[in-house]
Amino acid sequence: MLLLDSIEQERWYSVIEVAQIGGWSEDVVRRWIRRGLIEAFIQPGTRKRRRRVYCSVRIQGCEIARFMKMHLSKVDGERSFSRRLQR
């Protein structure tokens, strides 16, 4: 699969980059991370001016490849990829 060949296994990707690779929205990728479908490294951080806590989320390339192989190999004609994952 050409898409999987372009993913560097040892590189850490941001949520934005993963969304662009798969053609999904950032919200969908974050939802999959919260559900445990994609394993991610989450590093909390804070800003000096604001009280809001920001999180830096990174996904390793091998995890993206694993996720795509596991879920894209089961695609059938009727259901879309995202609909199957929402169950």
Protein backbone atom coordinates (compact mmCIF):
# COMPACT_ATOMS: atom_id res chain seq x y z
CA MET A 1 0.00 0.00 0.00
CA LEU A 2 1.53 3.28 -1.11
CA LEU A 3 0.17 5.33 1.80
CA LEU A 4 1.70 3.04 4.41
CA ASP A 5 5.07 3.12 2.63
CA SER A 6 5.23 6.90 3.03
CA ILE A 7 4.93 6.72 6.84
CA GLU A 8 8.26 6.77 8.68
CA GLN A 9 8.02 4.11 11.41
CA GLU A 10 10.20 5.86 14.01
CA ARG A 11 8.94 9.42 13.50
CA TRP A 12 6.45 11.02 15.89
CA TYR A 13 3.49 12.71 14.14
CA SER A 14 1.11 15.38 15.44
CA VAL A 15 -2.67 14.97 15.35
CA ILE A 16 -2.84 17.41 12.43
CA GLU A 17 -0.33 15.37 10.42
CA VAL A 18 -2.14 12.09 11.14
CA ALA A 19 -5.44 13.65 10.07
CA GLN A 20 -3.85 14.82 6.80
CA ILE A 21 -2.28 11.42 6.13
CA GLY A 22 -5.57 9.57 6.57
CA GLY A 23 -7.87 12.24 5.20
CA TRP A 24 -9.77 12.51 8.48
CA SER A 25 -10.59 15.48 10.69
CA GLU A 26 -8.52 16.32 13.76
CA ASP A 27 -11.55 15.70 15.98
CA VAL A 28 -11.92 12.15 14.66
CA VAL A 29 -8.25 11.37 15.37
CA ARG A 30 -8.54 12.80 18.90
CA ARG A 31 -11.71 10.75 19.48
CA TRP A 32 -9.91 7.54 18.41
CA ILE A 33 -7.07 8.39 20.81
CA ARG A 34 -9.53 8.88 23.70
CA ARG A 35 -11.24 5.56 22.87
CA GLY A 36 -7.90 3.77 22.82
CA LEU A 37 -7.97 2.84 19.14
CA ILE A 38 -4.74 4.76 18.52
CA GLU A 39 -1.98 4.76 21.11
CA ALA A 40 -0.50 8.22 21.61
CA PHE A 41 1.99 10.01 23.82
CA ILE A 42 0.30 12.90 25.61
CA GLN A 43 2.50 15.48 27.29
CA PRO A 44 0.61 18.09 29.33
CA GLY A 45 1.88 21.61 29.26
CA THR A 46 0.83 25.03 30.47
CA ARG A 47 1.24 28.54 29.21
CA LYS A 48 2.53 31.28 31.44
CA ARG A 49 -0.20 33.80 30.63
CA ARG A 50 -3.24 31.55 30.54
CA ARG A 51 -4.55 29.10 33.09
CA ARG A 52 -5.71 26.65 30.44
CA VAL A 53 -3.72 23.43 30.21
CA TYR A 54 -2.54 22.48 26.74
CA CYS A 55 -1.63 18.95 25.73
CA SER A 56 0.95 18.00 23.17
CA VAL A 57 -0.17 14.77 21.49
CA ARG A 58 2.21 12.71 19.35
CA ILE A 59 1.59 9.43 17.54
CA GLN A 60 4.46 7.23 16.41
CA GLY A 61 4.59 6.19 12.75
CA CYS A 62 4.49 2.47 13.53
CA GLU A 63 1.25 3.04 15.49
CA ILE A 64 -0.34 4.83 12.52
CA ALA A 65 0.66 1.96 10.23
CA ARG A 66 -0.73 -0.62 12.68
CA PHE A 67 -4.02 1.24 13.01
CA MET A 68 -4.44 1.64 9.26
CA LYS A 69 -3.55 -1.98 8.48
CA MET A 70 -5.95 -3.29 11.12
CA HIS A 71 -8.91 -1.12 10.12
CA LEU A 72 -8.42 -0.56 6.40
CA SER A 73 -8.01 -4.26 5.64
CA LYS A 74 -11.57 -4.91 6.86
CA VAL A 75 -13.30 -2.38 4.60
CA ASP A 76 -16.38 -3.76 2.91
CA GLY A 77 -18.41 -2.16 0.14
CA GLU A 78 -21.39 -0.98 2.19
CA ARG A 79 -19.85 0.67 5.23
CA SER A 80 -17.38 3.50 5.27
CA PHE A 81 -14.23 3.37 7.38
CA SER A 82 -15.34 6.02 9.87
CA ARG A 83 -18.82 4.53 10.34
CA ARG A 84 -17.38 1.18 11.39
CA LEU A 85 -15.15 2.84 13.99
CA GLN A 86 -18.02 4.81 15.53
CA ARG A 87 -19.67 1.62 16.80
